[in-house]
Amino acid sequence: MMRTLPLLLSLTTCLAGLAGAVQAQTYDMSINCKRVEKEGGNNYEMGQCAGRAYEASQSQLARVLKNLRALMPDESRRKLLDESQALWAKWKEKEPKLCALAAGYDPQGSGYGLQWSLCAAEMNRTRTEQLRRYLTSIKTRL
C-alpha cells in the first residue's frame, strides 16, 4: 500500500491538473471545425479547432481508460494499468513538444501551440486505440 500511495497521488495530481487545464479553456463554438478542416481557416479558427480536437481526444482516452480499469479482475492488474498510464502520461508531457519542433515550429512562434495540440491529440487517439484493443481482448475472455 505504501508504494501504491505515491503513484496514486501522482496520477490523481496529474489528472486534476489536466482537468483544471481543460476547465480553464473555453472555445468559440460558433466556429465550424469541419469547414475549417476542409477549406482551411485563419490562425484563430485553426487554434480553436485544434484545442477542441485535443479536448475531445482527452475525453475519449479518459472514458476508455475508466472502462478498461473497471474490467481489470484484480488490484494487481489495475495497478499495472495505472503504472503504465502514468508512464505514458509522463512521456506525453514532452513528446508533443518534440513533434512540434520536428515539424518546424519554434516554441516562441505563433503556430507552435496549434501544432502542439495537433500532436498531443494524435498521441491521445493512438493511446485510446491501444487501450480499446486491450478492452476488446479482455471482453472476449469474459
N, C-alpha and C. Protein backbone atom coordinates (compact mmCIF):
# COMPACT_ATOMS: atom_id res chain seq x y z
N MET A 1 0.82 -1.19 0.00
CA MET A 1 0.00 0.00 0.00
C MET A 1 0.87 1.25 0.00
N MET A 2 1.97 1.23 0.72
CA MET A 2 2.83 2.41 0.80
C MET A 2 3.42 2.76 -0.56
N ARG A 3 3.72 1.74 -1.38
CA ARG A 3 4.30 2.00 -2.70
C ARG A 3 3.22 2.49 -3.67
N THR A 4 1.99 2.06 -3.45
CA THR A 4 0.89 2.43 -4.33
C THR A 4 0.45 3.87 -4.08
N LEU A 5 0.49 4.31 -2.84
CA LEU A 5 0.01 5.64 -2.49
C LEU A 5 0.70 6.76 -3.26
N PRO A 6 2.06 6.79 -3.33
CA PRO A 6 2.68 7.88 -4.11
C PRO A 6 2.27 7.85 -5.59
N LEU A 7 2.15 6.66 -6.16
CA LEU A 7 1.73 6.55 -7.56
C LEU A 7 0.31 7.06 -7.72
N LEU A 8 -0.56 6.66 -6.81
CA LEU A 8 -1.95 7.09 -6.88
C LEU A 8 -2.05 8.61 -6.71
N LEU A 9 -1.30 9.15 -5.77
CA LEU A 9 -1.30 10.60 -5.58
C LEU A 9 -0.76 11.32 -6.81
N SER A 10 0.30 10.77 -7.38
CA SER A 10 0.88 11.37 -8.58
C SER A 10 -0.12 11.35 -9.74
N LEU A 11 -0.77 10.22 -9.94
CA LEU A 11 -1.75 10.08 -11.01
C LEU A 11 -2.94 11.00 -10.77
N THR A 12 -3.39 11.08 -9.52
CA THR A 12 -4.51 11.95 -9.18
C THR A 12 -4.15 13.41 -9.43
N THR A 13 -2.95 13.80 -9.03
CA THR A 13 -2.48 15.17 -9.26
C THR A 13 -2.42 15.48 -10.74
N CYS A 14 -1.89 14.53 -11.51
CA CYS A 14 -1.78 14.71 -12.96
C CYS A 14 -3.17 14.88 -13.58
N LEU A 15 -4.10 14.01 -13.21
CA LEU A 15 -5.44 14.09 -13.77
C LEU A 15 -6.16 15.35 -13.32
N ALA A 16 -5.95 15.76 -12.08
CA ALA A 16 -6.57 17.00 -11.60
C ALA A 16 -6.02 18.20 -12.37
N GLY A 17 -4.72 18.17 -12.64
CA GLY A 17 -4.11 19.25 -13.41
C GLY A 17 -4.67 19.31 -14.81
N LEU A 18 -4.84 18.16 -15.43
CA LEU A 18 -5.42 18.13 -16.77
C LEU A 18 -6.86 18.61 -16.74
N ALA A 19 -7.61 18.20 -15.75
CA ALA A 19 -9.00 18.63 -15.65
C ALA A 19 -9.06 20.14 -15.45
N GLY A 20 -8.19 20.68 -14.63
CA GLY A 20 -8.16 22.12 -14.41
C GLY A 20 -7.81 22.86 -15.68
N ALA A 21 -6.87 22.34 -16.43
CA ALA A 21 -6.47 22.99 -17.68
C ALA A 21 -7.62 22.96 -18.68
N VAL A 22 -8.33 21.85 -18.72
CA VAL A 22 -9.44 21.73 -19.66
C VAL A 22 -10.57 22.67 -19.25
N GLN A 23 -10.88 22.75 -17.95
CA GLN A 23 -11.95 23.61 -17.48
C GLN A 23 -11.62 25.08 -17.70
N ALA A 24 -10.35 25.44 -17.61
CA ALA A 24 -9.94 26.83 -17.75
C ALA A 24 -10.06 27.30 -19.19
N GLN A 25 -10.03 26.40 -20.14
CA GLN A 25 -10.06 26.77 -21.56
C GLN A 25 -11.51 26.79 -22.05
N THR A 26 -11.87 27.87 -22.71
CA THR A 26 -13.18 27.94 -23.35
C THR A 26 -12.94 28.13 -24.84
N TYR A 27 -13.83 27.56 -25.62
CA TYR A 27 -13.67 27.60 -27.07
C TYR A 27 -14.85 28.29 -27.72
N ASP A 28 -14.58 28.90 -28.84
CA ASP A 28 -15.58 29.57 -29.64
C ASP A 28 -16.35 28.50 -30.42
N MET A 29 -17.52 28.16 -29.93
CA MET A 29 -18.28 27.07 -30.52
C MET A 29 -19.01 27.49 -31.80
N SER A 30 -18.91 28.77 -32.15
CA SER A 30 -19.54 29.21 -33.40
C SER A 30 -18.69 28.83 -34.63
N ILE A 31 -17.46 28.42 -34.38
CA ILE A 31 -16.57 28.04 -35.49
C ILE A 31 -16.94 26.64 -35.97
N ASN A 32 -17.10 26.50 -37.27
CA ASN A 32 -17.42 25.21 -37.88
C ASN A 32 -16.09 24.51 -38.20
N CYS A 33 -15.67 23.62 -37.33
CA CYS A 33 -14.37 22.97 -37.49
C CYS A 33 -14.32 22.05 -38.70
N LYS A 34 -15.45 21.49 -39.09
CA LYS A 34 -15.46 20.66 -40.31
C LYS A 34 -15.13 21.52 -41.52
N ARG A 35 -15.67 22.74 -41.55
CA ARG A 35 -15.36 23.66 -42.65
C ARG A 35 -13.90 24.07 -42.60
N VAL A 36 -13.40 24.35 -41.40
CA VAL A 36 -12.01 24.77 -41.25
C VAL A 36 -11.07 23.64 -41.69
N GLU A 37 -11.42 22.42 -41.32
CA GLU A 37 -10.59 21.26 -41.72
C GLU A 37 -10.60 21.08 -43.23
N LYS A 38 -11.74 21.28 -43.84
CA LYS A 38 -11.88 21.05 -45.28
C LYS A 38 -11.31 22.21 -46.10
N GLU A 39 -11.64 23.43 -45.71
CA GLU A 39 -11.29 24.60 -46.52
C GLU A 39 -10.15 25.43 -45.95
N GLY A 40 -9.77 25.14 -44.73
CA GLY A 40 -8.75 25.97 -44.08
C GLY A 40 -9.41 27.11 -43.33
N GLY A 41 -8.61 27.83 -42.60
CA GLY A 41 -9.14 28.93 -41.81
C GLY A 41 -8.00 29.80 -41.34
N ASN A 42 -8.33 30.83 -40.59
CA ASN A 42 -7.27 31.69 -40.06
C ASN A 42 -6.66 31.04 -38.82
N ASN A 43 -5.62 31.62 -38.29
CA ASN A 43 -4.92 31.04 -37.14
C ASN A 43 -5.84 30.86 -35.94
N TYR A 44 -6.70 31.84 -35.72
CA TYR A 44 -7.63 31.75 -34.58
C TYR A 44 -8.54 30.54 -34.74
N GLU A 45 -9.15 30.40 -35.90
CA GLU A 45 -10.06 29.28 -36.13
C GLU A 45 -9.33 27.94 -36.02
N MET A 46 -8.15 27.85 -36.62
CA MET A 46 -7.40 26.59 -36.57
C MET A 46 -7.00 26.27 -35.14
N GLY A 47 -6.61 27.28 -34.37
CA GLY A 47 -6.25 27.07 -32.97
C GLY A 47 -7.44 26.60 -32.15
N GLN A 48 -8.59 27.21 -32.37
CA GLN A 48 -9.81 26.80 -31.67
C GLN A 48 -10.16 25.35 -32.00
N CYS A 49 -10.09 25.01 -33.27
CA CYS A 49 -10.43 23.64 -33.68
C CYS A 49 -9.43 22.62 -33.16
N ALA A 50 -8.16 22.97 -33.17
CA ALA A 50 -7.13 22.05 -32.64
C ALA A 50 -7.34 21.85 -31.14
N GLY A 51 -7.67 22.91 -30.43
CA GLY A 51 -7.93 22.78 -29.00
C GLY A 51 -9.14 21.92 -28.71
N ARG A 52 -10.19 22.10 -29.48
CA ARG A 52 -11.38 21.27 -29.30
C ARG A 52 -11.08 19.81 -29.62
N ALA A 53 -10.28 19.57 -30.66
CA ALA A 53 -9.91 18.19 -31.01
C ALA A 53 -9.08 17.56 -29.90
N TYR A 54 -8.19 18.35 -29.32
CA TYR A 54 -7.37 17.85 -28.21
C TYR A 54 -8.26 17.47 -27.02
N GLU A 55 -9.17 18.35 -26.66
CA GLU A 55 -10.06 18.07 -25.53
C GLU A 55 -10.92 16.84 -25.79
N ALA A 56 -11.42 16.71 -27.01
CA ALA A 56 -12.23 15.53 -27.35
C ALA A 56 -11.39 14.26 -27.22
N SER A 57 -10.14 14.32 -27.66
CA SER A 57 -9.27 13.13 -27.56
C SER A 57 -8.96 12.81 -26.10
N GLN A 58 -8.83 13.84 -25.26
CA GLN A 58 -8.60 13.62 -23.83
C GLN A 58 -9.81 12.93 -23.20
N SER A 59 -11.01 13.39 -23.56
CA SER A 59 -12.24 12.80 -23.01
C SER A 59 -12.40 11.35 -23.42
N GLN A 60 -12.13 11.05 -24.69
CA GLN A 60 -12.24 9.67 -25.17
C GLN A 60 -11.23 8.78 -24.46
N LEU A 61 -10.02 9.26 -24.31
CA LEU A 61 -8.98 8.49 -23.62
C LEU A 61 -9.40 8.20 -22.18
N ALA A 62 -9.89 9.21 -21.48
CA ALA A 62 -10.31 9.02 -20.08
C ALA A 62 -11.45 8.01 -19.98
N ARG A 63 -12.39 8.08 -20.92
CA ARG A 63 -13.53 7.16 -20.91
C ARG A 63 -13.08 5.71 -21.12
N VAL A 64 -12.21 5.49 -22.11
CA VAL A 64 -11.73 4.13 -22.39
C VAL A 64 -10.88 3.62 -21.22
N LEU A 65 -10.06 4.47 -20.67
CA LEU A 65 -9.23 4.07 -19.54
C LEU A 65 -10.10 3.67 -18.34
N LYS A 66 -11.13 4.43 -18.09
CA LYS A 66 -12.06 4.12 -16.99
C LYS A 66 -12.73 2.77 -17.22
N ASN A 67 -13.20 2.53 -18.45
CA ASN A 67 -13.85 1.25 -18.78
C ASN A 67 -12.88 0.08 -18.65
N LEU A 68 -11.66 0.28 -19.12
CA LEU A 68 -10.66 -0.79 -19.03
C LEU A 68 -10.32 -1.09 -17.57
N ARG A 69 -10.13 -0.06 -16.80
CA ARG A 69 -9.80 -0.24 -15.39
C ARG A 69 -10.91 -1.00 -14.67
N ALA A 70 -12.16 -0.70 -15.00
CA ALA A 70 -13.30 -1.37 -14.36
C ALA A 70 -13.34 -2.86 -14.68
N LEU A 71 -12.78 -3.26 -15.83
CA LEU A 71 -12.80 -4.68 -16.20
C LEU A 71 -11.61 -5.47 -15.65
N MET A 72 -10.64 -4.78 -15.10
CA MET A 72 -9.49 -5.48 -14.55
C MET A 72 -9.94 -6.34 -13.37
N PRO A 73 -9.62 -7.64 -13.40
CA PRO A 73 -10.19 -8.55 -12.40
C PRO A 73 -9.59 -8.43 -11.00
N ASP A 74 -8.44 -7.81 -10.86
CA ASP A 74 -7.86 -7.71 -9.53
C ASP A 74 -7.00 -6.45 -9.40
N GLU A 75 -6.65 -6.14 -8.18
CA GLU A 75 -5.91 -4.91 -7.89
C GLU A 75 -4.52 -4.90 -8.54
N SER A 76 -3.86 -6.04 -8.64
CA SER A 76 -2.52 -6.06 -9.23
C SER A 76 -2.57 -5.66 -10.71
N ARG A 77 -3.62 -6.05 -11.39
CA ARG A 77 -3.75 -5.68 -12.80
C ARG A 77 -4.15 -4.21 -12.96
N ARG A 78 -5.00 -3.73 -12.06
CA ARG A 78 -5.34 -2.30 -12.08
C ARG A 78 -4.11 -1.46 -11.79
N LYS A 79 -3.29 -1.93 -10.88
CA LYS A 79 -2.05 -1.22 -10.54
C LYS A 79 -1.11 -1.18 -11.75
N LEU A 80 -1.00 -2.28 -12.47
CA LEU A 80 -0.17 -2.31 -13.66
C LEU A 80 -0.69 -1.32 -14.71
N LEU A 81 -2.00 -1.28 -14.90
CA LEU A 81 -2.60 -0.32 -15.82
C LEU A 81 -2.30 1.11 -15.38
N ASP A 82 -2.48 1.39 -14.09
CA ASP A 82 -2.22 2.73 -13.56
C ASP A 82 -0.76 3.13 -13.75
N GLU A 83 0.16 2.21 -13.49
CA GLU A 83 1.58 2.50 -13.66
C GLU A 83 1.91 2.75 -15.13
N SER A 84 1.36 1.92 -15.99
CA SER A 84 1.58 2.07 -17.43
C SER A 84 1.06 3.43 -17.90
N GLN A 85 -0.14 3.80 -17.45
CA GLN A 85 -0.73 5.06 -17.87
C GLN A 85 0.06 6.25 -17.32
N ALA A 86 0.55 6.13 -16.11
CA ALA A 86 1.35 7.22 -15.52
C ALA A 86 2.64 7.43 -16.31
N LEU A 87 3.27 6.33 -16.72
CA LEU A 87 4.49 6.45 -17.54
C LEU A 87 4.17 7.03 -18.91
N TRP A 88 3.06 6.61 -19.49
CA TRP A 88 2.65 7.17 -20.79
C TRP A 88 2.39 8.67 -20.66
N ALA A 89 1.71 9.08 -19.59
CA ALA A 89 1.40 10.50 -19.37
C ALA A 89 2.68 11.31 -19.21
N LYS A 90 3.66 10.74 -18.55
CA LYS A 90 4.95 11.44 -18.38
C LYS A 90 5.63 11.63 -19.74
N TRP A 91 5.60 10.58 -20.57
CA TRP A 91 6.17 10.67 -21.91
C TRP A 91 5.42 11.71 -22.73
N LYS A 92 4.09 11.74 -22.57
CA LYS A 92 3.26 12.66 -23.33
C LYS A 92 3.52 14.13 -22.99
N GLU A 93 4.08 14.38 -21.81
CA GLU A 93 4.42 15.75 -21.45
C GLU A 93 5.45 16.34 -22.41
N LYS A 94 6.37 15.53 -22.88
CA LYS A 94 7.48 16.02 -23.72
C LYS A 94 7.29 15.77 -25.22
N GLU A 95 6.68 14.67 -25.56
CA GLU A 95 6.61 14.25 -26.96
C GLU A 95 5.94 15.27 -27.89
N PRO A 96 4.82 15.91 -27.50
CA PRO A 96 4.23 16.89 -28.42
C PRO A 96 5.16 18.07 -28.70
N LYS A 97 6.00 18.40 -27.73
CA LYS A 97 6.97 19.48 -27.94
C LYS A 97 7.96 19.08 -29.02
N LEU A 98 8.46 17.85 -28.93
CA LEU A 98 9.39 17.34 -29.94
C LEU A 98 8.71 17.25 -31.30
N CYS A 99 7.48 16.78 -31.31
CA CYS A 99 6.71 16.68 -32.55
C CYS A 99 6.57 18.04 -33.22
N ALA A 100 6.22 19.06 -32.43
CA ALA A 100 6.06 20.42 -32.97
C ALA A 100 7.39 20.97 -33.48
N LEU A 101 8.46 20.71 -32.73
CA LEU A 101 9.78 21.17 -33.18
C LEU A 101 10.20 20.47 -34.47
N ALA A 102 9.95 19.17 -34.54
CA ALA A 102 10.30 18.40 -35.74
C ALA A 102 9.52 18.88 -36.96
N ALA A 103 8.32 19.40 -36.73
CA ALA A 103 7.51 19.92 -37.83
C ALA A 103 7.93 21.34 -38.22
N GLY A 104 8.92 21.88 -37.51
CA GLY A 104 9.46 23.18 -37.87
C GLY A 104 8.89 24.37 -37.11
N TYR A 105 8.20 24.11 -36.01
CA TYR A 105 7.59 25.19 -35.24
C TYR A 105 8.47 25.56 -34.06
N ASP A 106 8.74 26.83 -33.91
CA ASP A 106 9.53 27.36 -32.81
C ASP A 106 8.61 27.57 -31.60
N PRO A 107 9.06 27.21 -30.39
CA PRO A 107 8.21 27.39 -29.21
C PRO A 107 7.73 28.83 -29.01
N GLN A 108 8.45 29.79 -29.54
CA GLN A 108 8.04 31.19 -29.41
C GLN A 108 7.17 31.65 -30.59
N GLY A 109 6.99 30.79 -31.57
CA GLY A 109 6.25 31.16 -32.78
C GLY A 109 4.75 31.04 -32.63
N SER A 110 4.05 31.66 -33.55
CA SER A 110 2.58 31.71 -33.46
C SER A 110 1.92 30.36 -33.75
N GLY A 111 2.53 29.50 -34.51
CA GLY A 111 1.90 28.22 -34.85
C GLY A 111 2.25 27.08 -33.93
N TYR A 112 3.13 27.33 -32.97
CA TYR A 112 3.61 26.26 -32.09
C TYR A 112 2.48 25.62 -31.28
N GLY A 113 1.64 26.45 -30.65
CA GLY A 113 0.55 25.92 -29.83
C GLY A 113 -0.42 25.08 -30.63
N LEU A 114 -0.71 25.53 -31.83
CA LEU A 114 -1.58 24.79 -32.72
C LEU A 114 -0.97 23.43 -33.04
N GLN A 115 0.30 23.42 -33.41
CA GLN A 115 0.97 22.17 -33.75
C GLN A 115 1.08 21.26 -32.54
N TRP A 116 1.36 21.84 -31.37
CA TRP A 116 1.43 21.05 -30.13
C TRP A 116 0.10 20.34 -29.91
N SER A 117 -1.01 21.08 -30.05
CA SER A 117 -2.34 20.49 -29.84
C SER A 117 -2.61 19.35 -30.82
N LEU A 118 -2.22 19.55 -32.08
CA LEU A 118 -2.42 18.50 -33.08
C LEU A 118 -1.61 17.26 -32.74
N CYS A 119 -0.36 17.45 -32.34
CA CYS A 119 0.50 16.32 -31.97
C CYS A 119 -0.05 15.59 -30.74
N ALA A 120 -0.44 16.35 -29.72
CA ALA A 120 -0.94 15.75 -28.49
C ALA A 120 -2.26 15.01 -28.73
N ALA A 121 -3.12 15.57 -29.56
CA ALA A 121 -4.39 14.91 -29.88
C ALA A 121 -4.14 13.59 -30.59
N GLU A 122 -3.17 13.58 -31.51
CA GLU A 122 -2.85 12.33 -32.22
C GLU A 122 -2.28 11.29 -31.25
N MET A 123 -1.48 11.72 -30.31
CA MET A 123 -0.96 10.79 -29.29
C MET A 123 -2.10 10.21 -28.48
N ASN A 124 -3.05 11.05 -28.09
CA ASN A 124 -4.21 10.57 -27.33
C ASN A 124 -5.02 9.56 -28.13
N ARG A 125 -5.24 9.86 -29.41
CA ARG A 125 -6.01 8.93 -30.26
C ARG A 125 -5.29 7.59 -30.39
N THR A 126 -3.99 7.62 -30.55
CA THR A 126 -3.21 6.39 -30.66
C THR A 126 -3.29 5.58 -29.37
N ARG A 127 -3.14 6.25 -28.24
CA ARG A 127 -3.22 5.57 -26.94
C ARG A 127 -4.62 5.02 -26.72
N THR A 128 -5.63 5.78 -27.10
CA THR A 128 -7.01 5.33 -26.94
C THR A 128 -7.26 4.06 -27.74
N GLU A 129 -6.78 4.02 -28.96
CA GLU A 129 -6.95 2.82 -29.79
C GLU A 129 -6.22 1.63 -29.17
N GLN A 130 -5.04 1.86 -28.64
CA GLN A 130 -4.29 0.79 -27.98
C GLN A 130 -5.09 0.25 -26.79
N LEU A 131 -5.62 1.14 -25.97
CA LEU A 131 -6.40 0.71 -24.81
C LEU A 131 -7.70 0.03 -25.24
N ARG A 132 -8.30 0.49 -26.33
CA ARG A 132 -9.51 -0.17 -26.84
C ARG A 132 -9.23 -1.61 -27.25
N ARG A 133 -8.06 -1.84 -27.84
CA ARG A 133 -7.69 -3.21 -28.20
C ARG A 133 -7.58 -4.07 -26.95
N TYR A 134 -6.97 -3.54 -25.89
CA TYR A 134 -6.89 -4.28 -24.63
C TYR A 134 -8.28 -4.55 -24.09
N LEU A 135 -9.15 -3.55 -24.15
CA LEU A 135 -10.51 -3.67 -23.65
C LEU A 135 -11.26 -4.76 -24.41
N THR A 136 -11.14 -4.76 -25.72
CA THR A 136 -11.79 -5.78 -26.55
C THR A 136 -11.26 -7.16 -26.22
N SER A 137 -9.97 -7.27 -26.04
CA SER A 137 -9.36 -8.57 -25.71
C SER A 137 -9.88 -9.09 -24.38
N ILE A 138 -9.98 -8.24 -23.39
CA ILE A 138 -10.47 -8.66 -22.08
C ILE A 138 -11.94 -9.05 -22.18
N LYS A 139 -12.74 -8.26 -22.91
CA LYS A 139 -14.18 -8.55 -23.02
C LYS A 139 -14.41 -9.90 -23.71
N THR A 140 -13.57 -10.28 -24.66
CA THR A 140 -13.77 -11.55 -25.35
C THR A 140 -13.50 -12.74 -24.44
N ARG A 141 -12.75 -12.52 -23.37
CA ARG A 141 -12.43 -13.61 -22.45
C ARG A 141 -13.38 -13.67 -21.27
N LEU A 142 -14.28 -12.72 -21.16
CA LEU A 142 -15.23 -12.72 -20.02
C LEU A 142 -16.37 -13.68 -20.25
